[in-house]
Amino acid sequence: MSVRKVDIAIIGAGTAGMGAYREATKVTDNVVLIEGGEYGTTCARVGCMPSKLLIAAAEAAHFGGHTQPFGVTYQPPKIDGKAVMARVKSERDRFVGFVKEDVEGWNEANRIRAYAKFIDDHHLELSNGQIIEADRIVIATGSSTFVPPPFKAFGDRLIINDDVFDWDDLPKSVVVFGAGVIGLELGQALHRLGVRVSLFGRDYLVGPLSDDVVKFKARETFMDEFPFYPHGEVTRMEHVGDHVEIDFIEDGETKTDRFEYALIATGRRPNVDKLGLENTSIKLDERGVPHFVLATGQTSASHIFIAGDAGNNIPLLHEAADEGKIVGYNAARYPEIRAFTKSSPIAVMFSDPQIMMVGESYKALEERNANFAVGSVDFKGQGRSRVMLVNNGILRVYGEKGTGRFLGAEMVGPRAEHIAHLLAWAHQSELTVSEMLDRPFYHPVVEEGVRTALRDLNNALELGPVSPARCIDCGPGA
């Protein structure tokens, strides 16, 4: 059996693995990138990009049917499911193609199409029969949808988000389980595209939100639009012919409903269970995921690193990209290791209204007993939002008492994806609330709502009045 010796072996060619490869090959070309599946990241193939394509179609359909208050009336939107899915798949394939082109442009000798499993701390057995002996190893195997066993009752009518983007046409009905980012985004989008949807969540959660005030507003909003049960009590799940059937309790009464498909969006799990980690000295948590240092990517076996969704930290593309660069840098220079500061946390959910979280969440602040105050704004009366008839939502911002430092925010409301970036930059720059209020706000824009919330927070922090606009031609002492 042949043994190939390399400086660095990277398992997984997704966002984190690609980032690690780019960084490592700046130092050594004796690197192998091992991928058993298709090239193309989770984001491009079954995640952020195809879901946003579906959401874009849904927004177009929704807007066309809700313009009467402006004095503009369209014919009822005609939704061509086949055309919708044709564009989703075509553009999805285009995005995937860019990723494949990138990877396939790298040195062919450094790319191996096979699955890898640890023999020990330095040796990998590949599914093609090859053995890799690596001085350093990077685990970047990503994550996949987890389907709890009870849902297997739906048989071949059970689908996950990956399956949605291979549809040739839209179905007539779908029941969605899971009110996280994937379930809410896809559930609302399908509803707006004319699919009959019911969404069942657990524990009254809405996406990633932890602030009860924001969470309540989000629940209220989505429940007003389509059947959403934030703590659904489903008592029967069954595959019946070419449909699925469920029994659920609503207002104390048991009801039965039937759908074409059951979409399971109850979470994702790191792809580490088939790596043979039990053959290594790596310390694992209760779920079998390696313990590691976030700032370096190092596991307890110092020459083995982990990045991206495989580490079960924050399953977002930009986080995976950052972590890939970190582990690539450190694996290439091992045993010299550098700790890197992570970017400020930022998360966006592309529902309507959008949801965002920046910095420390309300829950995280409470758990560490932070001494903080809260400011808020309700967008109901916010000028530009009202002009555009998107004046639905609430923003809550958090600041540290004593220092006035901005700590984080949670929001459901208009233009949240853009507001998230403003606040994330302020958080990473360690600005105080007063310094943030000293920045410009144009009129009339939705972002003026941020200023209202910050003013409210400034008052709650008891920091005194905000300074007036800076004077550039006043004399000394003016």
Protein backbone atom coordinates (compact mmCIF):
# COMPACT_ATOMS: atom_id res chain seq x y z
CA MET A 1 0.00 0.00 0.00
CA SER A 2 1.46 3.37 -1.05
CA VAL A 3 2.11 6.05 1.56
CA ARG A 4 2.33 9.69 0.53
CA LYS A 5 4.12 12.04 2.91
CA VAL A 6 2.98 15.66 3.01
CA ASP A 7 3.47 18.71 5.18
CA ILE A 8 -0.24 19.46 5.48
CA ALA A 9 -3.40 17.45 4.73
CA ILE A 10 -6.66 19.39 4.56
CA ILE A 11 -9.85 17.31 4.80
CA GLY A 12 -12.70 19.08 3.08
CA ALA A 13 -12.82 21.54 0.17
CA GLY A 14 -15.62 23.81 1.37
CA THR A 15 -15.28 27.44 2.40
CA ALA A 16 -13.00 26.70 5.38
CA GLY A 17 -10.90 24.11 3.53
CA MET A 18 -10.40 26.41 0.55
CA GLY A 19 -9.34 29.24 2.84
CA ALA A 20 -6.90 26.96 4.64
CA TYR A 21 -5.43 25.73 1.34
CA ARG A 22 -4.88 29.25 0.00
CA GLU A 23 -3.13 30.31 3.20
CA ALA A 24 -1.04 27.16 3.63
CA THR A 25 0.26 27.16 0.05
CA LYS A 26 1.75 30.60 0.61
CA VAL A 27 4.37 28.79 2.68
CA THR A 28 4.58 25.24 1.28
CA ASP A 29 3.33 23.48 -1.82
CA ASN A 30 3.52 20.08 -0.14
CA VAL A 31 -0.19 20.22 0.71
CA VAL A 32 -3.08 17.92 -0.19
CA LEU A 33 -6.71 18.96 -0.30
CA ILE A 34 -8.92 15.89 0.21
CA GLU A 35 -12.60 15.96 -0.79
CA GLY A 36 -14.88 12.96 -1.14
CA GLY A 37 -17.98 14.80 -2.35
CA GLU A 38 -18.64 17.29 -5.09
CA TYR A 39 -16.72 20.54 -5.22
CA GLY A 40 -18.82 23.58 -4.38
CA THR A 41 -19.44 25.00 -0.93
CA THR A 42 -22.55 24.46 1.19
CA CYS A 43 -23.32 28.15 0.71
CA ALA A 44 -23.21 28.01 -3.08
CA ARG A 45 -24.83 24.61 -3.55
CA VAL A 46 -27.59 24.27 -0.94
CA GLY A 47 -27.29 27.22 1.42
CA CYS A 48 -27.16 30.99 1.26
CA MET A 49 -27.22 31.52 -2.50
CA PRO A 50 -30.03 29.23 -3.71
CA SER A 51 -32.16 30.17 -0.70
CA LYS A 52 -31.74 33.88 -1.51
CA LEU A 53 -32.74 33.16 -5.11
CA LEU A 54 -35.97 31.56 -3.87
CA ILE A 55 -36.53 34.45 -1.44
CA ALA A 56 -35.99 37.02 -4.24
CA ALA A 57 -38.74 35.38 -6.28
CA ALA A 58 -41.00 35.32 -3.22
CA GLU A 59 -40.39 39.01 -2.53
CA ALA A 60 -41.29 39.88 -6.12
CA ALA A 61 -44.55 37.93 -5.84
CA HIS A 62 -45.38 39.45 -2.46
CA PHE A 63 -44.69 43.03 -3.51
CA GLY A 64 -46.84 42.69 -6.61
CA GLY A 65 -49.83 41.82 -4.47
CA HIS A 66 -49.37 44.47 -1.77
CA THR A 67 -49.09 47.81 -3.59
CA GLN A 68 -52.69 49.01 -3.30
CA PRO A 69 -51.97 51.35 -0.33
CA PHE A 70 -49.60 53.26 -2.65
CA GLY A 71 -52.46 53.80 -5.10
CA VAL A 72 -50.88 51.30 -7.48
CA THR A 73 -52.66 48.09 -8.40
CA TYR A 74 -51.14 45.14 -10.24
CA GLN A 75 -52.99 42.18 -11.60
CA PRO A 76 -52.84 39.30 -9.11
CA PRO A 77 -49.32 37.90 -9.48
CA LYS A 78 -49.09 34.81 -11.65
CA ILE A 79 -46.47 32.46 -10.23
CA ASP A 80 -44.87 30.04 -12.67
CA GLY A 81 -43.32 27.44 -10.37
CA LYS A 82 -41.27 25.86 -13.15
CA ALA A 83 -39.80 29.23 -14.14
CA VAL A 84 -39.06 30.07 -10.51
CA MET A 85 -37.16 26.84 -9.96
CA ALA A 86 -35.42 27.04 -13.34
CA ARG A 87 -33.86 30.37 -12.35
CA VAL A 88 -33.00 29.13 -8.86
CA LYS A 89 -31.17 26.10 -10.28
CA SER A 90 -29.52 27.97 -13.15
CA GLU A 91 -28.11 30.72 -10.93
CA ARG A 92 -27.22 28.17 -8.23
CA ASP A 93 -25.22 26.20 -10.79
CA ARG A 94 -23.50 29.41 -11.87
CA PHE A 95 -22.36 30.14 -8.30
CA VAL A 96 -21.24 26.53 -7.82
CA GLY A 97 -19.39 26.73 -11.13
CA PHE A 98 -17.30 29.65 -9.90
CA VAL A 99 -16.25 27.65 -6.84
CA LYS A 100 -15.45 24.54 -8.89
CA GLU A 101 -13.45 26.60 -11.36
CA ASP A 102 -11.44 28.06 -8.51
CA VAL A 103 -10.61 24.70 -6.92
CA GLU A 104 -9.96 22.93 -10.22
CA GLY A 105 -7.52 25.67 -11.12
CA TRP A 106 -5.25 24.59 -8.29
CA ASN A 107 -2.38 22.13 -8.74
CA GLU A 108 -3.98 18.81 -9.70
CA ALA A 109 -1.28 16.93 -7.82
CA ASN A 110 -2.46 18.59 -4.60
CA ARG A 111 -6.11 17.57 -5.02
CA ILE A 112 -7.41 14.15 -4.02
CA ARG A 113 -11.00 13.00 -4.61
CA ALA A 114 -11.61 10.58 -1.75
CA TYR A 115 -12.97 10.33 1.78
CA ALA A 116 -10.48 10.34 4.65
CA LYS A 117 -10.37 8.56 7.99
CA PHE A 118 -7.79 8.84 10.76
CA ILE A 119 -5.62 5.79 11.43
CA ASP A 120 -3.73 7.70 14.12
CA ASP A 121 -2.61 11.26 14.81
CA HIS A 122 -0.52 11.52 11.63
CA HIS A 123 -1.97 8.99 9.19
CA LEU A 124 -5.11 9.11 7.07
CA GLU A 125 -6.64 6.20 5.21
CA LEU A 126 -8.40 7.31 2.02
CA SER A 127 -11.35 5.62 0.35
CA ASN A 128 -9.21 5.17 -2.80
CA GLY A 129 -6.82 2.93 -0.85
CA GLN A 130 -4.09 5.52 -0.42
CA ILE A 131 -2.43 6.34 2.91
CA ILE A 132 -1.47 9.94 3.70
CA GLU A 133 1.19 10.65 6.30
CA ALA A 134 0.86 14.30 7.30
CA ASP A 135 2.94 16.40 9.62
CA ARG A 136 -0.08 18.67 10.20
CA ILE A 137 -3.78 18.04 9.50
CA VAL A 138 -6.73 20.41 9.06
CA ILE A 139 -10.30 19.18 9.59
CA ALA A 140 -12.71 21.24 7.49
CA THR A 141 -15.46 18.75 6.74
CA GLY A 142 -18.43 21.10 7.19
CA SER A 143 -21.86 20.10 8.47
CA SER A 144 -25.04 18.47 7.23
CA THR A 145 -28.73 18.53 8.09
CA PHE A 146 -29.68 16.46 11.10
CA VAL A 147 -33.00 14.63 10.93
CA PRO A 148 -34.25 13.41 14.34
CA PRO A 149 -35.48 9.79 14.20
CA PRO A 150 -39.22 10.52 14.74
CA PHE A 151 -39.37 12.37 11.41
CA LYS A 152 -38.33 9.22 9.56
CA ALA A 153 -42.04 8.32 9.77
CA PHE A 154 -42.55 10.57 6.75
CA GLY A 155 -40.65 8.12 4.54
CA ASP A 156 -39.80 9.31 1.04
CA ARG A 157 -41.94 12.44 1.46
CA LEU A 158 -39.38 13.74 3.95
CA ILE A 159 -37.10 16.41 2.48
CA ILE A 160 -34.31 18.66 3.71
CA ASN A 161 -33.33 22.08 2.39
CA ASP A 162 -30.85 20.47 -0.05
CA ASP A 163 -33.76 18.77 -1.83
CA VAL A 164 -35.76 21.98 -2.30
CA PHE A 165 -33.20 23.39 -4.71
CA ASP A 166 -33.47 20.38 -7.02
CA TRP A 167 -37.23 20.76 -7.55
CA ASP A 168 -38.39 21.29 -11.14
CA ASP A 169 -41.64 22.85 -9.96
CA LEU A 170 -43.18 24.15 -6.76
CA PRO A 171 -45.38 21.72 -4.80
CA LYS A 172 -48.86 22.58 -3.64
CA SER A 173 -48.20 22.12 0.08
CA VAL A 174 -45.33 21.67 2.55
CA VAL A 175 -45.22 21.29 6.32
CA VAL A 176 -42.00 22.71 7.78
CA PHE A 177 -40.47 21.61 11.07
CA GLY A 178 -37.98 23.99 12.67
CA ALA A 179 -38.30 27.75 13.14
CA GLY A 180 -34.61 28.47 12.84
CA VAL A 181 -33.06 30.44 10.00
CA ILE A 182 -33.56 27.76 7.32
CA GLY A 183 -37.12 26.84 8.31
CA LEU A 184 -38.35 30.42 8.56
CA GLU A 185 -36.65 31.64 5.39
CA LEU A 186 -37.83 28.75 3.23
CA GLY A 187 -41.24 28.49 4.89
CA GLN A 188 -42.10 32.14 4.31
CA ALA A 189 -40.67 32.13 0.78
CA LEU A 190 -42.70 29.08 -0.24
CA HIS A 191 -45.83 30.60 1.30
CA ARG A 192 -45.35 33.78 -0.74
CA LEU A 193 -44.88 31.71 -3.88
CA GLY A 194 -48.30 30.18 -3.47
CA VAL A 195 -47.38 26.96 -1.64
CA ARG A 196 -49.65 26.12 1.29
CA VAL A 197 -47.28 26.08 4.26
CA SER A 198 -47.56 25.35 7.97
CA LEU A 199 -44.48 25.91 10.13
CA PHE A 200 -43.96 24.17 13.47
CA GLY A 201 -41.30 25.39 15.89
CA ARG A 202 -40.24 24.52 19.43
CA ASP A 203 -39.94 26.48 22.67
CA TYR A 204 -41.30 29.67 21.05
CA LEU A 205 -37.97 30.32 19.35
CA VAL A 206 -37.74 32.49 16.24
CA GLY A 207 -34.49 32.15 14.33
CA PRO A 208 -31.45 32.95 16.50
CA LEU A 209 -33.17 35.67 18.59
CA SER A 210 -32.66 35.65 22.36
CA ASP A 211 -34.19 39.00 23.39
CA ASP A 212 -37.79 38.23 24.43
CA VAL A 213 -39.05 41.64 23.29
CA VAL A 214 -37.67 41.21 19.77
CA LYS A 215 -38.66 37.56 19.72
CA PHE A 216 -42.27 38.39 20.62
CA LYS A 217 -42.45 40.95 17.81
CA ALA A 218 -41.05 38.45 15.33
CA ARG A 219 -43.49 35.72 16.42
CA GLU A 220 -46.42 38.11 16.16
CA THR A 221 -45.36 39.21 12.67
CA PHE A 222 -44.87 35.76 11.16
CA MET A 223 -47.99 34.33 12.80
CA ASP A 224 -50.01 37.11 11.19
CA GLU A 225 -48.78 36.15 7.73
CA PHE A 226 -49.07 32.36 7.57
CA PRO A 227 -49.76 29.35 9.84
CA PHE A 228 -46.81 29.41 12.26
CA TYR A 229 -46.91 27.46 15.51
CA PRO A 230 -43.87 28.58 17.54
CA HIS A 231 -44.39 25.76 20.03
CA GLY A 232 -46.18 23.23 17.89
CA GLU A 233 -47.63 20.17 19.60
CA VAL A 234 -47.59 17.50 16.91
CA THR A 235 -48.97 14.20 18.16
CA ARG A 236 -48.87 12.08 14.99
CA MET A 237 -46.61 11.99 11.94
CA GLU A 238 -47.30 9.54 9.14
CA HIS A 239 -46.52 8.80 5.50
CA VAL A 240 -49.82 8.17 3.69
CA GLY A 241 -49.58 7.36 -0.02
CA ASP A 242 -48.03 10.29 -1.83
CA HIS A 243 -48.59 12.67 1.12
CA VAL A 244 -47.73 13.13 4.77
CA GLU A 245 -50.30 13.46 7.53
CA ILE A 246 -49.96 15.08 10.92
CA ASP A 247 -52.13 15.52 13.99
CA PHE A 248 -51.47 18.62 16.05
CA ILE A 249 -53.07 20.45 18.95
CA GLU A 250 -54.38 23.98 18.46
CA ASP A 251 -56.37 25.79 21.15
CA GLY A 252 -56.83 22.49 23.00
CA GLU A 253 -58.31 20.77 19.96
CA THR A 254 -56.63 18.01 17.93
CA LYS A 255 -56.54 18.79 14.22
CA THR A 256 -55.37 16.78 11.21
CA ASP A 257 -53.67 18.14 8.11
CA ARG A 258 -52.13 16.67 4.96
CA PHE A 259 -49.21 17.94 2.86
CA GLU A 260 -47.21 16.83 -0.15
CA TYR A 261 -43.90 17.07 1.71
CA ALA A 262 -42.43 17.43 5.18
CA LEU A 263 -39.41 19.75 5.18
CA ILE A 264 -37.15 19.06 8.17
CA ALA A 265 -35.11 22.10 9.18
CA THR A 266 -34.32 21.22 12.79
CA GLY A 267 -30.60 21.96 12.67
CA ARG A 268 -27.24 20.82 11.35
CA ARG A 269 -24.46 18.65 12.77
CA PRO A 270 -20.72 18.72 12.15
CA ASN A 271 -19.48 16.08 9.70
CA VAL A 272 -17.01 14.47 12.08
CA ASP A 273 -18.64 11.15 12.93
CA LYS A 274 -17.01 9.20 10.07
CA LEU A 275 -13.48 10.59 10.48
CA GLY A 276 -12.26 7.97 12.94
CA LEU A 277 -11.44 10.60 15.55
CA GLU A 278 -11.53 7.85 18.17
CA ASN A 279 -8.24 6.66 16.67
CA THR A 280 -6.54 9.94 17.57
CA SER A 281 -5.51 11.62 20.81
CA ILE A 282 -7.91 14.52 20.21
CA LYS A 283 -10.21 15.28 23.14
CA LEU A 284 -13.86 15.29 22.09
CA ASP A 285 -16.98 16.83 23.59
CA GLU A 286 -20.17 14.89 24.37
CA ARG A 287 -21.23 15.12 20.70
CA GLY A 288 -17.94 13.77 19.41
CA VAL A 289 -16.72 17.18 18.19
CA PRO A 290 -13.08 18.11 18.91
CA HIS A 291 -12.33 20.64 21.61
CA PHE A 292 -10.32 23.46 20.06
CA VAL A 293 -9.05 26.98 20.66
CA LEU A 294 -11.08 29.41 18.57
CA ALA A 295 -8.29 31.97 18.27
CA THR A 296 -5.85 29.44 16.77
CA GLY A 297 -7.96 26.55 15.50
CA GLN A 298 -5.77 24.09 17.43
CA THR A 299 -7.25 20.93 18.88
CA SER A 300 -5.78 19.14 21.91
CA ALA A 301 -3.48 17.35 19.45
CA SER A 302 -1.43 20.45 18.71
CA HIS A 303 -0.64 19.62 15.07
CA ILE A 304 -4.30 18.99 14.18
CA PHE A 305 -6.53 21.97 13.47
CA ILE A 306 -10.25 22.41 12.83
CA ALA A 307 -12.22 25.15 11.08
CA GLY A 308 -15.68 26.06 9.81
CA ASP A 309 -18.89 24.16 10.50
CA ALA A 310 -16.92 21.07 11.54
CA GLY A 311 -16.00 22.88 14.77
CA ASN A 312 -19.68 23.50 15.63
CA ASN A 313 -19.06 27.16 16.48
CA ILE A 314 -20.99 29.60 14.24
CA PRO A 315 -22.12 27.96 10.97
CA LEU A 316 -21.81 31.01 8.71
CA LEU A 317 -19.77 31.45 5.55
CA HIS A 318 -17.77 34.47 6.70
CA GLU A 319 -16.91 32.70 9.96
CA ALA A 320 -15.76 29.61 8.05
CA ALA A 321 -13.65 31.77 5.73
CA ASP A 322 -11.98 33.53 8.67
CA GLU A 323 -11.32 30.28 10.50
CA GLY A 324 -9.95 28.66 7.35
CA LYS A 325 -7.38 31.43 6.99
CA ILE A 326 -6.42 31.13 10.66
CA VAL A 327 -5.81 27.38 10.58
CA GLY A 328 -4.08 27.57 7.21
CA TYR A 329 -1.71 30.20 8.55
CA ASN A 330 -0.95 28.24 11.72
CA ALA A 331 -0.70 24.82 10.07
CA ALA A 332 1.81 26.22 7.58
CA ARG A 333 4.01 27.68 10.33
CA TYR A 334 3.58 25.04 13.02
CA PRO A 335 4.97 24.76 15.70
CA GLU A 336 4.92 28.58 15.62
CA ILE A 337 1.31 29.50 16.39
CA ARG A 338 -0.49 32.83 16.39
CA ALA A 339 -3.78 33.70 18.06
CA PHE A 340 -6.10 35.82 15.94
CA THR A 341 -8.90 38.13 17.05
CA LYS A 342 -12.22 37.11 15.59
CA SER A 343 -14.44 39.62 13.82
CA SER A 344 -17.42 40.90 15.79
CA PRO A 345 -20.31 38.43 15.61
CA ILE A 346 -22.88 39.29 12.97
CA ALA A 347 -25.86 37.22 11.84
CA VAL A 348 -28.62 38.08 9.38
CA MET A 349 -31.81 36.21 8.55
CA PHE A 350 -33.39 37.07 5.20
CA SER A 351 -37.01 36.76 6.20
CA ASP A 352 -39.41 39.69 5.78
CA PRO A 353 -39.02 41.58 7.99
CA GLN A 354 -35.38 40.66 8.31
CA ILE A 355 -33.75 39.54 11.55
CA MET A 356 -30.25 40.41 12.69
CA MET A 357 -27.97 40.02 15.70
CA VAL A 358 -24.67 41.82 16.30
CA GLY A 359 -22.05 41.61 19.03
CA GLU A 360 -23.18 39.99 22.26
CA SER A 361 -26.74 38.70 22.37
CA TYR A 362 -29.13 39.60 25.16
CA LYS A 363 -28.85 36.03 26.44
CA ALA A 364 -25.05 36.13 26.46
CA LEU A 365 -25.03 39.41 28.39
CA GLU A 366 -27.40 38.01 30.99
CA GLU A 367 -25.42 34.78 31.32
CA ARG A 368 -22.21 36.64 32.11
CA ASN A 369 -24.06 39.00 34.49
CA ALA A 370 -23.06 42.04 32.46
CA ASN A 371 -23.90 45.47 33.85
CA PHE A 372 -25.77 46.78 30.84
CA ALA A 373 -28.68 48.95 29.76
CA VAL A 374 -31.06 48.66 26.81
CA GLY A 375 -32.28 51.18 24.26
CA SER A 376 -34.95 50.52 21.67
CA VAL A 377 -36.94 51.85 18.76
CA ASP A 378 -40.25 50.63 17.35
CA PHE A 379 -40.29 51.16 13.59
CA LYS A 380 -44.05 51.72 13.52
CA GLY A 381 -43.60 55.49 13.39
CA GLN A 382 -40.14 55.65 11.78
CA GLY A 383 -40.32 58.11 8.88
CA ARG A 384 -38.69 56.39 5.89
CA SER A 385 -40.01 52.98 6.94
CA ARG A 386 -43.54 54.36 7.04
CA VAL A 387 -43.13 55.99 3.63
CA MET A 388 -42.24 52.57 2.16
CA LEU A 389 -44.89 50.70 4.18
CA VAL A 390 -42.25 48.55 5.87
CA ASN A 391 -42.71 50.15 9.29
CA ASN A 392 -42.93 46.89 11.21
CA GLY A 393 -40.22 45.85 13.63
CA ILE A 394 -38.17 46.65 16.68
CA LEU A 395 -34.45 47.23 17.35
CA ARG A 396 -32.90 46.75 20.78
CA VAL A 397 -29.35 47.95 21.44
CA TYR A 398 -27.20 47.16 24.49
CA GLY A 399 -24.55 49.30 26.20
CA GLU A 400 -22.21 48.85 29.14
CA LYS A 401 -22.96 50.92 32.20
CA GLY A 402 -20.02 53.02 33.38
CA THR A 403 -18.04 52.92 30.14
CA GLY A 404 -20.89 53.53 27.69
CA ARG A 405 -19.37 50.94 25.32
CA PHE A 406 -21.71 49.49 22.70
CA LEU A 407 -22.15 45.76 23.40
CA GLY A 408 -24.59 44.39 20.84
CA ALA A 409 -28.04 44.44 19.30
CA GLU A 410 -30.96 42.28 18.20
CA MET A 411 -33.55 43.32 15.64
CA VAL A 412 -36.49 42.29 13.53
CA GLY A 413 -37.38 44.94 11.00
CA PRO A 414 -36.67 46.73 7.72
CA ARG A 415 -33.19 46.84 6.16
CA ALA A 416 -31.76 44.79 9.03
CA GLU A 417 -29.00 43.36 6.81
CA HIS A 418 -27.59 46.88 6.33
CA ILE A 419 -28.12 48.05 9.90
CA ALA A 420 -26.30 44.91 11.07
CA HIS A 421 -23.16 45.98 9.24
CA LEU A 422 -23.19 49.50 10.69
CA LEU A 423 -23.53 48.13 14.20
CA ALA A 424 -21.00 45.33 13.70
CA TRP A 425 -18.38 47.85 12.54
CA ALA A 426 -19.16 50.03 15.56
CA HIS A 427 -18.86 47.01 17.86
CA GLN A 428 -15.55 45.87 16.38
CA SER A 429 -14.22 49.43 16.63
CA GLU A 430 -15.19 49.37 20.34
CA LEU A 431 -17.13 52.61 20.03
CA THR A 432 -19.13 54.05 22.88
CA VAL A 433 -22.77 54.91 22.39
CA SER A 434 -21.87 58.61 22.47
CA GLU A 435 -19.27 58.11 19.74
CA MET A 436 -21.81 56.28 17.61
CA LEU A 437 -24.26 59.16 17.99
CA ASP A 438 -21.52 61.51 16.83
CA ARG A 439 -21.47 59.73 13.44
CA PRO A 440 -23.59 61.07 10.55
CA PHE A 441 -27.17 59.99 9.88
CA TYR A 442 -28.75 61.09 6.63
CA HIS A 443 -32.40 62.09 6.36
CA PRO A 444 -34.73 60.45 5.55
CA VAL A 445 -33.36 56.90 5.86
CA VAL A 446 -34.31 53.79 7.81
CA GLU A 447 -30.99 54.06 9.66
CA GLU A 448 -32.36 57.06 11.55
CA GLY A 449 -34.13 54.45 13.62
CA VAL A 450 -30.70 53.33 14.83
CA ARG A 451 -30.04 56.85 16.10
CA THR A 452 -33.38 56.83 17.96
CA ALA A 453 -32.48 53.55 19.66
CA LEU A 454 -28.99 54.80 20.53
CA ARG A 455 -30.40 57.99 22.03
CA ASP A 456 -32.72 55.88 24.14
CA LEU A 457 -29.77 53.74 25.22
CA ASN A 458 -27.67 56.82 26.00
CA ASN A 459 -30.41 58.03 28.34
CA ALA A 460 -30.65 54.61 29.98
CA LEU A 461 -26.89 54.64 30.55
CA GLU A 462 -27.26 58.04 32.25
CA LEU A 463 -24.29 59.45 30.36
CA GLY A 464 -25.74 62.94 30.02
CA PRO A 465 -26.85 64.81 26.92
CA VAL A 466 -25.31 64.04 23.55
CA SER A 467 -22.93 66.75 22.27
CA PRO A 468 -24.39 69.05 19.60
CA ALA A 469 -23.07 69.02 16.04
CA ARG A 470 -19.37 69.86 15.85
CA CYS A 471 -18.59 73.50 15.19
CA ILE A 472 -15.64 74.07 12.84
CA ASP A 473 -15.37 77.83 12.98
CA CYS A 474 -16.14 78.66 16.62
CA GLY A 475 -13.54 80.46 18.68
CA PRO A 476 -11.88 79.05 21.82
CA GLY A 477 -14.35 78.34 24.57
CA ALA A 478 -17.35 78.73 22.27
